[in-house]
Amino acid sequence: MTATQDRVRIIDTTVLSDDWYVLKKTTFDFLRRDGTWQRQSRETYDRGNGATILLFDRARKTVILTRQFRLPAFVNGHDGMMVEAAGGLLDNASPEQRIRAEVEEETGYRVRDVQKIFEAYMSPGSVTEKLHFFIAEYDATTRVGHGGGIEAEGEDVEVVELTLDDALAAVDRGEIVDGKTIMLLQHLALRELTRAHAT
């Protein structure tokens, strides 16, 4: 099989917008599996890579989530108030460094040990962003502030504590609809189920 880089010939790239992040239109030739070249054009939105984290209190079986307004969800028919795991863009920091800072800014919890569980592209058909997924344990002693995010950046983050069972039920009811959060909750539920069966 031909290496992917040998199957793609970039013809032209045009920047459509670089106001907030960078939106580009790229025209390229792609070598199809049948051996023919096909001219295609796609738009890519580059906002950098990010990290997200789910805080879990094992003793109480609770998780820390956030609630904040998201305009893109609002314009697509949601009320815009999304319940999510804490997260943010890397901004040239390592995923581990950035997620520690981000979770404290948003939730007020200072995490000690963060466990990276996987990486994923959330919308690879149009967005370049790769997310780094983490889980960390928390308890009342790890809260060092109120959270809420950075007001100067337009953040107005509410901290939400739910039992893991209630969070999973909220997914079932369609109240939690953020992809990264659903992935983290389901990963944690499977991990806890495996742990329970092993003991």
N, C-alpha and C. Protein backbone atom coordinates (compact mmCIF):
# COMPACT_ATOMS: atom_id res chain seq x y z
N MET A 1 0.84 -1.20 0.00
CA MET A 1 0.00 0.00 0.00
C MET A 1 0.88 1.25 0.00
N THR A 2 0.54 2.21 -0.81
CA THR A 2 1.29 3.45 -0.90
C THR A 2 1.12 4.27 0.38
N ALA A 3 2.22 4.86 0.87
CA ALA A 3 2.15 5.71 2.06
C ALA A 3 1.21 6.89 1.78
N THR A 4 0.49 7.33 2.81
CA THR A 4 -0.50 8.39 2.61
C THR A 4 0.11 9.65 2.03
N GLN A 5 1.32 10.03 2.49
CA GLN A 5 1.92 11.27 1.97
C GLN A 5 2.18 11.20 0.47
N ASP A 6 2.30 9.98 -0.07
CA ASP A 6 2.50 9.83 -1.51
C ASP A 6 1.18 9.82 -2.27
N ARG A 7 0.07 9.82 -1.54
CA ARG A 7 -1.25 9.81 -2.18
C ARG A 7 -1.89 11.19 -2.21
N VAL A 8 -1.22 12.19 -1.62
CA VAL A 8 -1.79 13.54 -1.53
C VAL A 8 -0.84 14.54 -2.18
N ARG A 9 -1.34 15.31 -3.13
CA ARG A 9 -0.58 16.40 -3.76
C ARG A 9 -1.34 17.70 -3.54
N ILE A 10 -0.79 18.58 -2.71
CA ILE A 10 -1.44 19.87 -2.44
C ILE A 10 -1.28 20.76 -3.67
N ILE A 11 -2.37 21.27 -4.18
CA ILE A 11 -2.37 22.14 -5.35
C ILE A 11 -2.39 23.61 -4.94
N ASP A 12 -3.27 23.94 -3.99
CA ASP A 12 -3.41 25.34 -3.59
C ASP A 12 -4.03 25.41 -2.20
N THR A 13 -3.57 26.39 -1.40
CA THR A 13 -4.16 26.63 -0.08
C THR A 13 -4.46 28.11 0.05
N THR A 14 -5.70 28.42 0.44
CA THR A 14 -6.14 29.80 0.60
C THR A 14 -6.67 30.01 2.01
N VAL A 15 -6.19 31.05 2.68
CA VAL A 15 -6.71 31.39 4.01
C VAL A 15 -8.03 32.15 3.82
N LEU A 16 -9.11 31.59 4.36
CA LEU A 16 -10.43 32.23 4.25
C LEU A 16 -10.69 33.17 5.42
N SER A 17 -10.14 32.82 6.60
CA SER A 17 -10.33 33.65 7.79
C SER A 17 -9.21 33.34 8.78
N ASP A 18 -8.69 34.38 9.42
CA ASP A 18 -7.74 34.17 10.51
C ASP A 18 -8.04 35.15 11.64
N ASP A 19 -9.33 35.39 11.86
CA ASP A 19 -9.76 36.35 12.86
C ASP A 19 -9.63 35.76 14.27
N TRP A 20 -10.25 34.61 14.52
CA TRP A 20 -10.22 33.96 15.83
C TRP A 20 -9.23 32.80 15.77
N TYR A 21 -9.52 31.85 14.87
CA TYR A 21 -8.57 30.78 14.53
C TYR A 21 -8.42 30.82 13.02
N VAL A 22 -7.85 29.77 12.41
CA VAL A 22 -7.53 29.85 10.98
C VAL A 22 -8.39 28.87 10.18
N LEU A 23 -9.13 29.43 9.23
CA LEU A 23 -9.95 28.64 8.32
C LEU A 23 -9.29 28.69 6.94
N LYS A 24 -8.95 27.52 6.41
CA LYS A 24 -8.29 27.44 5.11
C LYS A 24 -9.11 26.59 4.15
N LYS A 25 -8.97 26.92 2.87
CA LYS A 25 -9.51 26.09 1.79
C LYS A 25 -8.32 25.50 1.05
N THR A 26 -8.29 24.18 0.95
CA THR A 26 -7.17 23.50 0.29
C THR A 26 -7.69 22.70 -0.89
N THR A 27 -7.05 22.87 -2.02
CA THR A 27 -7.33 22.06 -3.21
C THR A 27 -6.18 21.07 -3.34
N PHE A 28 -6.51 19.80 -3.54
CA PHE A 28 -5.47 18.77 -3.60
C PHE A 28 -5.90 17.64 -4.52
N ASP A 29 -4.93 16.90 -4.99
CA ASP A 29 -5.19 15.67 -5.75
C ASP A 29 -4.97 14.50 -4.80
N PHE A 30 -5.90 13.53 -4.85
CA PHE A 30 -5.82 12.37 -3.98
C PHE A 30 -5.80 11.09 -4.82
N LEU A 31 -4.83 10.21 -4.54
CA LEU A 31 -4.72 8.94 -5.26
C LEU A 31 -5.70 7.94 -4.64
N ARG A 32 -6.73 7.62 -5.41
CA ARG A 32 -7.76 6.70 -4.92
C ARG A 32 -7.24 5.26 -4.90
N ARG A 33 -7.97 4.39 -4.24
CA ARG A 33 -7.55 2.99 -4.13
C ARG A 33 -7.50 2.28 -5.48
N ASP A 34 -8.28 2.80 -6.45
CA ASP A 34 -8.27 2.15 -7.78
C ASP A 34 -7.13 2.65 -8.66
N GLY A 35 -6.25 3.51 -8.11
CA GLY A 35 -5.09 3.99 -8.85
C GLY A 35 -5.30 5.28 -9.62
N THR A 36 -6.49 5.86 -9.56
CA THR A 36 -6.74 7.11 -10.28
C THR A 36 -6.60 8.30 -9.32
N TRP A 37 -6.18 9.44 -9.91
CA TRP A 37 -6.07 10.67 -9.12
C TRP A 37 -7.37 11.46 -9.24
N GLN A 38 -7.82 12.02 -8.10
CA GLN A 38 -9.05 12.80 -8.09
C GLN A 38 -8.78 14.16 -7.45
N ARG A 39 -9.21 15.24 -8.13
CA ARG A 39 -9.07 16.60 -7.58
C ARG A 39 -10.19 16.83 -6.56
N GLN A 40 -9.82 17.30 -5.36
CA GLN A 40 -10.78 17.56 -4.30
C GLN A 40 -10.48 18.92 -3.67
N SER A 41 -11.47 19.46 -2.99
CA SER A 41 -11.31 20.72 -2.28
C SER A 41 -11.99 20.59 -0.92
N ARG A 42 -11.28 20.97 0.13
CA ARG A 42 -11.81 20.86 1.49
C ARG A 42 -11.44 22.10 2.29
N GLU A 43 -12.26 22.41 3.30
CA GLU A 43 -11.95 23.47 4.24
C GLU A 43 -11.51 22.84 5.56
N THR A 44 -10.48 23.43 6.18
CA THR A 44 -10.02 22.96 7.48
C THR A 44 -9.99 24.13 8.45
N TYR A 45 -10.42 23.86 9.67
CA TYR A 45 -10.44 24.87 10.72
C TYR A 45 -9.38 24.50 11.74
N ASP A 46 -8.36 25.34 11.88
CA ASP A 46 -7.24 25.06 12.77
C ASP A 46 -7.34 25.95 13.99
N ARG A 47 -7.66 25.35 15.13
CA ARG A 47 -7.74 26.09 16.38
C ARG A 47 -6.71 25.60 17.39
N GLY A 48 -5.75 24.79 16.91
CA GLY A 48 -4.75 24.22 17.81
C GLY A 48 -5.27 22.95 18.45
N ASN A 49 -4.42 22.30 19.23
CA ASN A 49 -4.81 21.09 19.94
C ASN A 49 -5.24 21.43 21.35
N GLY A 50 -5.93 20.49 22.00
CA GLY A 50 -6.48 20.76 23.32
C GLY A 50 -6.36 19.59 24.26
N ALA A 51 -6.84 19.80 25.47
CA ALA A 51 -6.86 18.76 26.49
C ALA A 51 -8.14 18.87 27.29
N THR A 52 -8.60 17.75 27.81
CA THR A 52 -9.81 17.71 28.63
C THR A 52 -9.60 16.73 29.77
N ILE A 53 -10.32 16.94 30.87
CA ILE A 53 -10.10 16.11 32.05
C ILE A 53 -11.41 15.88 32.80
N LEU A 54 -11.55 14.69 33.33
CA LEU A 54 -12.68 14.35 34.19
C LEU A 54 -12.15 14.12 35.59
N LEU A 55 -12.66 14.88 36.55
CA LEU A 55 -12.28 14.70 37.95
C LEU A 55 -13.24 13.71 38.59
N PHE A 56 -12.68 12.77 39.38
CA PHE A 56 -13.47 11.68 39.95
C PHE A 56 -13.09 11.49 41.41
N ASP A 57 -14.11 11.50 42.27
CA ASP A 57 -13.92 11.19 43.69
C ASP A 57 -14.34 9.74 43.87
N ARG A 58 -13.36 8.86 44.02
CA ARG A 58 -13.64 7.42 44.10
C ARG A 58 -14.47 7.06 45.32
N ALA A 59 -14.21 7.72 46.44
CA ALA A 59 -14.93 7.38 47.67
C ALA A 59 -16.41 7.70 47.56
N ARG A 60 -16.73 8.83 46.95
CA ARG A 60 -18.15 9.24 46.85
C ARG A 60 -18.76 8.93 45.49
N LYS A 61 -17.94 8.43 44.55
CA LYS A 61 -18.42 8.12 43.20
C LYS A 61 -19.03 9.34 42.52
N THR A 62 -18.34 10.48 42.66
CA THR A 62 -18.81 11.72 42.05
C THR A 62 -17.81 12.22 41.02
N VAL A 63 -18.30 13.07 40.13
CA VAL A 63 -17.46 13.70 39.11
C VAL A 63 -17.69 15.20 39.14
N ILE A 64 -16.68 15.94 38.69
CA ILE A 64 -16.78 17.39 38.55
C ILE A 64 -16.89 17.73 37.07
N LEU A 65 -17.96 18.43 36.72
CA LEU A 65 -18.17 18.93 35.36
C LEU A 65 -18.36 20.43 35.42
N THR A 66 -18.51 21.04 34.26
CA THR A 66 -18.74 22.48 34.19
C THR A 66 -19.98 22.75 33.34
N ARG A 67 -20.55 23.93 33.53
CA ARG A 67 -21.64 24.38 32.66
C ARG A 67 -21.30 25.77 32.18
N GLN A 68 -21.32 25.96 30.84
CA GLN A 68 -21.04 27.28 30.28
C GLN A 68 -21.74 27.43 28.94
N PHE A 69 -21.87 28.67 28.51
CA PHE A 69 -22.54 28.97 27.24
C PHE A 69 -21.61 28.70 26.07
N ARG A 70 -22.13 27.99 25.07
CA ARG A 70 -21.39 27.70 23.83
C ARG A 70 -22.22 28.18 22.65
N LEU A 71 -21.75 29.24 21.99
CA LEU A 71 -22.49 29.83 20.88
C LEU A 71 -22.74 28.85 19.73
N PRO A 72 -21.74 28.07 19.28
CA PRO A 72 -22.00 27.16 18.16
C PRO A 72 -23.15 26.18 18.44
N ALA A 73 -23.23 25.67 19.68
CA ALA A 73 -24.34 24.77 20.02
C ALA A 73 -25.66 25.54 20.02
N PHE A 74 -25.62 26.79 20.50
CA PHE A 74 -26.82 27.63 20.54
C PHE A 74 -27.38 27.88 19.14
N VAL A 75 -26.50 28.21 18.19
CA VAL A 75 -27.00 28.49 16.84
C VAL A 75 -27.45 27.22 16.11
N ASN A 76 -27.12 26.05 16.67
CA ASN A 76 -27.56 24.79 16.08
C ASN A 76 -28.75 24.19 16.83
N GLY A 77 -29.46 25.02 17.60
CA GLY A 77 -30.71 24.57 18.20
C GLY A 77 -30.66 24.17 19.66
N HIS A 78 -29.48 24.09 20.25
CA HIS A 78 -29.35 23.79 21.69
C HIS A 78 -29.54 25.09 22.46
N ASP A 79 -29.88 25.01 23.75
CA ASP A 79 -30.00 26.26 24.50
C ASP A 79 -28.64 26.91 24.78
N GLY A 80 -27.57 26.20 24.44
CA GLY A 80 -26.23 26.76 24.52
C GLY A 80 -25.52 26.53 25.84
N MET A 81 -26.25 26.16 26.89
CA MET A 81 -25.62 25.92 28.19
C MET A 81 -25.17 24.46 28.24
N MET A 82 -23.90 24.25 27.93
CA MET A 82 -23.36 22.90 27.80
C MET A 82 -22.72 22.42 29.09
N VAL A 83 -23.06 21.19 29.48
CA VAL A 83 -22.41 20.54 30.62
C VAL A 83 -21.25 19.74 30.05
N GLU A 84 -20.04 20.05 30.54
CA GLU A 84 -18.83 19.49 29.93
C GLU A 84 -17.79 19.15 30.98
N ALA A 85 -16.85 18.30 30.59
CA ALA A 85 -15.63 18.14 31.35
C ALA A 85 -14.76 19.38 31.13
N ALA A 86 -13.98 19.75 32.12
CA ALA A 86 -13.09 20.91 31.98
C ALA A 86 -12.09 20.66 30.85
N GLY A 87 -11.68 21.73 30.18
CA GLY A 87 -10.72 21.57 29.10
C GLY A 87 -10.36 22.89 28.49
N GLY A 88 -9.40 22.83 27.57
CA GLY A 88 -8.98 24.04 26.88
C GLY A 88 -7.89 23.75 25.88
N LEU A 89 -7.50 24.78 25.15
CA LEU A 89 -6.45 24.65 24.16
C LEU A 89 -5.08 24.62 24.82
N LEU A 90 -4.13 23.98 24.17
CA LEU A 90 -2.80 23.81 24.76
C LEU A 90 -1.99 25.10 24.82
N ASP A 91 -2.16 25.98 23.84
CA ASP A 91 -1.43 27.26 23.82
C ASP A 91 0.07 27.07 24.04
N ASN A 92 0.66 26.13 23.29
CA ASN A 92 2.10 25.87 23.30
C ASN A 92 2.63 25.25 24.59
N ALA A 93 1.75 24.83 25.49
CA ALA A 93 2.18 24.11 26.69
C ALA A 93 2.01 22.60 26.44
N SER A 94 2.61 21.79 27.29
CA SER A 94 2.39 20.34 27.17
C SER A 94 0.97 20.03 27.61
N PRO A 95 0.38 18.94 27.12
CA PRO A 95 -0.99 18.61 27.53
C PRO A 95 -1.14 18.51 29.05
N GLU A 96 -0.16 17.90 29.74
CA GLU A 96 -0.23 17.75 31.18
C GLU A 96 -0.17 19.11 31.89
N GLN A 97 0.72 19.99 31.45
CA GLN A 97 0.81 21.32 32.06
C GLN A 97 -0.48 22.10 31.85
N ARG A 98 -0.98 22.07 30.63
CA ARG A 98 -2.14 22.88 30.31
C ARG A 98 -3.40 22.40 31.04
N ILE A 99 -3.56 21.07 31.14
CA ILE A 99 -4.80 20.60 31.75
C ILE A 99 -4.81 20.87 33.25
N ARG A 100 -3.63 20.85 33.89
CA ARG A 100 -3.57 21.18 35.32
C ARG A 100 -4.01 22.63 35.54
N ALA A 101 -3.51 23.55 34.70
CA ALA A 101 -3.87 24.96 34.82
C ALA A 101 -5.35 25.17 34.48
N GLU A 102 -5.79 24.53 33.42
CA GLU A 102 -7.17 24.73 32.94
C GLU A 102 -8.19 24.25 33.97
N VAL A 103 -7.95 23.08 34.56
CA VAL A 103 -8.93 22.54 35.51
C VAL A 103 -9.00 23.40 36.76
N GLU A 104 -7.87 23.98 37.16
CA GLU A 104 -7.91 24.86 38.33
C GLU A 104 -8.63 26.17 38.01
N GLU A 105 -8.39 26.73 36.81
CA GLU A 105 -9.07 27.95 36.40
C GLU A 105 -10.59 27.74 36.35
N GLU A 106 -11.01 26.61 35.79
CA GLU A 106 -12.44 26.39 35.56
C GLU A 106 -13.18 25.86 36.78
N THR A 107 -12.54 24.97 37.55
CA THR A 107 -13.25 24.29 38.64
C THR A 107 -12.78 24.67 40.03
N GLY A 108 -11.57 25.23 40.15
CA GLY A 108 -11.04 25.55 41.46
C GLY A 108 -10.31 24.39 42.12
N TYR A 109 -10.24 23.23 41.45
CA TYR A 109 -9.55 22.08 42.02
C TYR A 109 -8.12 22.00 41.50
N ARG A 110 -7.17 21.77 42.41
CA ARG A 110 -5.77 21.59 42.03
C ARG A 110 -5.48 20.10 42.07
N VAL A 111 -5.27 19.52 40.90
CA VAL A 111 -5.08 18.07 40.82
C VAL A 111 -3.61 17.72 40.98
N ARG A 112 -3.37 16.57 41.60
CA ARG A 112 -2.00 16.11 41.81
C ARG A 112 -1.58 15.22 40.65
N ASP A 113 -2.11 14.02 40.63
CA ASP A 113 -1.73 13.05 39.60
C ASP A 113 -2.79 13.03 38.50
N VAL A 114 -2.36 13.32 37.28
CA VAL A 114 -3.28 13.22 36.14
C VAL A 114 -2.89 11.98 35.34
N GLN A 115 -3.89 11.26 34.90
CA GLN A 115 -3.65 10.05 34.11
C GLN A 115 -4.17 10.27 32.70
N LYS A 116 -3.25 10.22 31.73
CA LYS A 116 -3.67 10.34 30.34
C LYS A 116 -4.25 9.01 29.89
N ILE A 117 -5.44 9.08 29.27
CA ILE A 117 -6.09 7.82 28.87
C ILE A 117 -6.09 7.60 27.37
N PHE A 118 -6.19 8.65 26.58
CA PHE A 118 -6.09 8.50 25.12
C PHE A 118 -6.07 9.86 24.45
N GLU A 119 -5.87 9.86 23.14
CA GLU A 119 -5.98 11.06 22.29
C GLU A 119 -7.02 10.78 21.22
N ALA A 120 -7.72 11.82 20.77
CA ALA A 120 -8.73 11.61 19.73
C ALA A 120 -8.95 12.88 18.93
N TYR A 121 -9.23 12.70 17.65
CA TYR A 121 -9.68 13.79 16.77
C TYR A 121 -11.20 13.81 16.86
N MET A 122 -11.76 14.96 17.25
CA MET A 122 -13.19 15.02 17.53
C MET A 122 -14.05 15.26 16.29
N SER A 123 -13.51 15.92 15.30
CA SER A 123 -14.27 16.17 14.07
C SER A 123 -13.29 16.22 12.90
N PRO A 124 -12.68 15.06 12.56
CA PRO A 124 -11.57 15.04 11.59
C PRO A 124 -11.96 15.40 10.17
N GLY A 125 -13.24 15.49 9.88
CA GLY A 125 -13.65 15.88 8.54
C GLY A 125 -13.45 17.36 8.25
N SER A 126 -13.30 18.18 9.32
CA SER A 126 -13.16 19.62 9.08
C SER A 126 -12.28 20.35 10.08
N VAL A 127 -12.08 19.79 11.28
CA VAL A 127 -11.34 20.49 12.33
C VAL A 127 -10.03 19.73 12.59
N THR A 128 -8.92 20.46 12.64
CA THR A 128 -7.61 19.82 12.81
C THR A 128 -7.34 19.40 14.26
N GLU A 129 -8.09 19.91 15.21
CA GLU A 129 -7.80 19.72 16.64
C GLU A 129 -7.74 18.26 17.06
N LYS A 130 -6.68 17.95 17.82
CA LYS A 130 -6.54 16.67 18.50
C LYS A 130 -6.66 16.94 20.00
N LEU A 131 -7.51 16.15 20.68
CA LEU A 131 -7.69 16.32 22.12
C LEU A 131 -6.93 15.25 22.89
N HIS A 132 -6.33 15.66 23.99
CA HIS A 132 -5.67 14.75 24.93
C HIS A 132 -6.62 14.57 26.11
N PHE A 133 -6.99 13.33 26.41
CA PHE A 133 -7.98 13.03 27.45
C PHE A 133 -7.30 12.57 28.73
N PHE A 134 -7.74 13.14 29.87
CA PHE A 134 -7.16 12.82 31.17
C PHE A 134 -8.26 12.51 32.19
N ILE A 135 -7.88 11.77 33.21
CA ILE A 135 -8.71 11.56 34.40
C ILE A 135 -7.83 11.85 35.60
N ALA A 136 -8.40 12.46 36.65
CA ALA A 136 -7.67 12.69 37.90
C ALA A 136 -8.65 12.56 39.05
N GLU A 137 -8.12 12.17 40.19
CA GLU A 137 -8.97 12.07 41.37
C GLU A 137 -8.96 13.40 42.13
N TYR A 138 -10.07 13.68 42.79
CA TYR A 138 -10.20 14.90 43.58
C TYR A 138 -10.94 14.55 44.87
N ASP A 139 -10.84 15.44 45.84
CA ASP A 139 -11.70 15.39 47.03
C ASP A 139 -11.77 16.81 47.58
N ALA A 140 -12.44 17.00 48.69
CA ALA A 140 -12.66 18.34 49.22
C ALA A 140 -11.35 19.05 49.53
N THR A 141 -10.30 18.30 49.86
CA THR A 141 -9.03 18.93 50.23
C THR A 141 -8.28 19.50 49.03
N THR A 142 -8.66 19.12 47.80
CA THR A 142 -7.94 19.59 46.62
C THR A 142 -8.55 20.85 46.02
N ARG A 143 -9.63 21.36 46.65
CA ARG A 143 -10.23 22.60 46.14
C ARG A 143 -9.49 23.79 46.72
N VAL A 144 -8.93 24.62 45.83
CA VAL A 144 -8.14 25.76 46.26
C VAL A 144 -8.76 27.09 45.84
N GLY A 145 -9.84 27.05 45.09
CA GLY A 145 -10.49 28.28 44.63
C GLY A 145 -11.91 27.99 44.20
N HIS A 146 -12.56 29.03 43.67
CA HIS A 146 -13.96 28.90 43.25
C HIS A 146 -14.12 28.46 41.80
N GLY A 147 -13.04 28.55 41.01
CA GLY A 147 -13.17 28.24 39.59
C GLY A 147 -13.90 29.36 38.88
N GLY A 148 -14.57 29.01 37.81
CA GLY A 148 -15.34 30.01 37.07
C GLY A 148 -14.71 30.46 35.77
N GLY A 149 -13.42 30.12 35.58
CA GLY A 149 -12.77 30.53 34.34
C GLY A 149 -12.19 31.93 34.44
N ILE A 150 -11.74 32.44 33.30
CA ILE A 150 -11.11 33.76 33.23
C ILE A 150 -12.10 34.73 32.60
N GLU A 151 -12.56 35.68 33.40
CA GLU A 151 -13.59 36.63 32.95
C GLU A 151 -13.13 37.43 31.74
N ALA A 152 -11.85 37.82 31.70
CA ALA A 152 -11.33 38.62 30.59
C ALA A 152 -11.41 37.88 29.26
N GLU A 153 -11.44 36.53 29.32
CA GLU A 153 -11.56 35.73 28.11
C GLU A 153 -13.01 35.36 27.81
N GLY A 154 -13.94 35.98 28.54
CA GLY A 154 -15.36 35.74 28.30
C GLY A 154 -15.90 34.49 28.97
N GLU A 155 -15.11 33.89 29.86
CA GLU A 155 -15.56 32.66 30.51
C GLU A 155 -16.45 32.97 31.71
N ASP A 156 -17.51 32.21 31.85
CA ASP A 156 -18.43 32.31 32.98
C ASP A 156 -18.85 30.88 33.29
N VAL A 157 -17.96 30.16 34.00
CA VAL A 157 -18.08 28.71 34.15
C VAL A 157 -18.69 28.36 35.50
N GLU A 158 -19.74 27.58 35.48
CA GLU A 158 -20.36 27.06 36.69
C GLU A 158 -19.81 25.66 36.96
N VAL A 159 -19.44 25.39 38.20
CA VAL A 159 -18.92 24.08 38.59
C VAL A 159 -20.10 23.19 38.99
N VAL A 160 -20.13 21.98 38.43
CA VAL A 160 -21.23 21.04 38.65
C VAL A 160 -20.66 19.73 39.19
N GLU A 161 -21.16 19.30 40.34
CA GLU A 161 -20.76 18.00 40.89
C GLU A 161 -21.95 17.06 40.81
N LEU A 162 -21.74 15.89 40.21
CA LEU A 162 -22.77 14.87 40.06
C LEU A 162 -22.20 13.52 40.44
N THR A 163 -23.06 12.60 40.84
CA THR A 163 -22.58 11.23 40.94
C THR A 163 -22.33 10.72 39.53
N LEU A 164 -21.45 9.74 39.42
CA LEU A 164 -21.19 9.17 38.10
C LEU A 164 -22.48 8.60 37.52
N ASP A 165 -23.29 7.95 38.33
CA ASP A 165 -24.57 7.39 37.85
C ASP A 165 -25.49 8.49 37.33
N ASP A 166 -25.56 9.62 38.05
CA ASP A 166 -26.42 10.72 37.60
C ASP A 166 -25.90 11.34 36.30
N ALA A 167 -24.58 11.43 36.16
CA ALA A 167 -24.01 11.97 34.93
C ALA A 167 -24.31 11.06 33.75
N LEU A 168 -24.19 9.75 33.95
CA LEU A 168 -24.51 8.81 32.87
C LEU A 168 -25.99 8.87 32.53
N ALA A 169 -26.84 9.04 33.54
CA ALA A 169 -28.28 9.17 33.28
C ALA A 169 -28.57 10.45 32.50
N ALA A 170 -27.81 11.51 32.78
CA ALA A 170 -27.99 12.77 32.04
C ALA A 170 -27.60 12.59 30.58
N VAL A 171 -26.61 11.74 30.30
CA VAL A 171 -26.27 11.41 28.91
C VAL A 171 -27.46 10.70 28.27
N ASP A 172 -28.02 9.72 28.96
CA ASP A 172 -29.17 8.97 28.43
C ASP A 172 -30.36 9.88 28.14
N ARG A 173 -30.57 10.88 28.98
CA ARG A 173 -31.70 11.80 28.80
C ARG A 173 -31.42 12.89 27.77
N GLY A 174 -30.20 12.94 27.25
CA GLY A 174 -29.85 13.98 26.28
C GLY A 174 -29.54 15.31 26.91
N GLU A 175 -29.23 15.32 28.20
CA GLU A 175 -28.89 16.57 28.88
C GLU A 175 -27.39 16.86 28.79
N ILE A 176 -26.57 15.83 28.72
CA ILE A 176 -25.14 15.98 28.45
C ILE A 176 -24.92 15.51 27.02
N VAL A 177 -24.57 16.45 26.14
CA VAL A 177 -24.45 16.14 24.71
C VAL A 177 -23.08 16.49 24.15
N ASP A 178 -22.14 16.83 25.02
CA ASP A 178 -20.78 17.16 24.60
C ASP A 178 -20.00 15.87 24.40
N GLY A 179 -19.43 15.69 23.20
CA GLY A 179 -18.78 14.44 22.84
C GLY A 179 -17.64 14.04 23.76
N LYS A 180 -16.75 14.99 24.07
CA LYS A 180 -15.59 14.65 24.90
C LYS A 180 -16.03 14.21 26.29
N THR A 181 -17.08 14.84 26.80
CA THR A 181 -17.57 14.51 28.13
C THR A 181 -18.20 13.13 28.16
N ILE A 182 -18.97 12.81 27.14
CA ILE A 182 -19.58 11.48 27.05
C ILE A 182 -18.48 10.42 26.98
N MET A 183 -17.45 10.67 26.20
CA MET A 183 -16.34 9.70 26.09
C MET A 183 -15.67 9.48 27.43
N LEU A 184 -15.41 10.57 28.17
CA LEU A 184 -14.76 10.45 29.47
C LEU A 184 -15.64 9.72 30.47
N LEU A 185 -16.92 10.05 30.51
CA LEU A 185 -17.83 9.40 31.45
C LEU A 185 -17.95 7.90 31.15
N GLN A 186 -18.07 7.56 29.89
CA GLN A 186 -18.19 6.15 29.53
C GLN A 186 -16.89 5.39 29.81
N HIS A 187 -15.75 6.04 29.56
CA HIS A 187 -14.47 5.40 29.86
C HIS A 187 -14.37 5.13 31.36
N LEU A 188 -14.71 6.13 32.17
CA LEU A 188 -14.64 5.97 33.62
C LEU A 188 -15.60 4.87 34.08
N ALA A 189 -16.82 4.86 33.55
CA ALA A 189 -17.79 3.83 33.95
C ALA A 189 -17.29 2.44 33.62
N LEU A 190 -16.71 2.27 32.44
CA LEU A 190 -16.17 0.96 32.06
C LEU A 190 -14.99 0.57 32.95
N ARG A 191 -14.15 1.53 33.26
CA ARG A 191 -13.00 1.26 34.13
C ARG A 191 -13.44 0.85 35.53
N GLU A 192 -14.45 1.54 36.05
CA GLU A 192 -14.95 1.21 37.39
C GLU A 192 -15.66 -0.14 37.40
N LEU A 193 -16.35 -0.45 36.32
CA LEU A 193 -17.02 -1.75 36.20
C LEU A 193 -15.98 -2.87 36.18
N THR A 194 -14.91 -2.66 35.40
CA THR A 194 -13.83 -3.65 35.34
C THR A 194 -13.17 -3.82 36.69
N ARG A 195 -12.95 -2.69 37.38
CA ARG A 195 -12.33 -2.73 38.71
C ARG A 195 -13.21 -3.51 39.70
N ALA A 196 -14.53 -3.29 39.63
CA ALA A 196 -15.46 -3.97 40.54
C ALA A 196 -15.47 -5.47 40.30
N HIS A 197 -15.40 -5.88 39.02
CA HIS A 197 -15.41 -7.29 38.69
C HIS A 197 -14.10 -7.98 39.08
N ALA A 198 -13.01 -7.20 39.14
CA ALA A 198 -11.72 -7.77 39.47
C ALA A 198 -11.54 -8.02 40.97
N THR A 199 -12.39 -7.37 41.79
CA THR A 199 -12.26 -7.52 43.24
C THR A 199 -13.26 -8.51 43.80
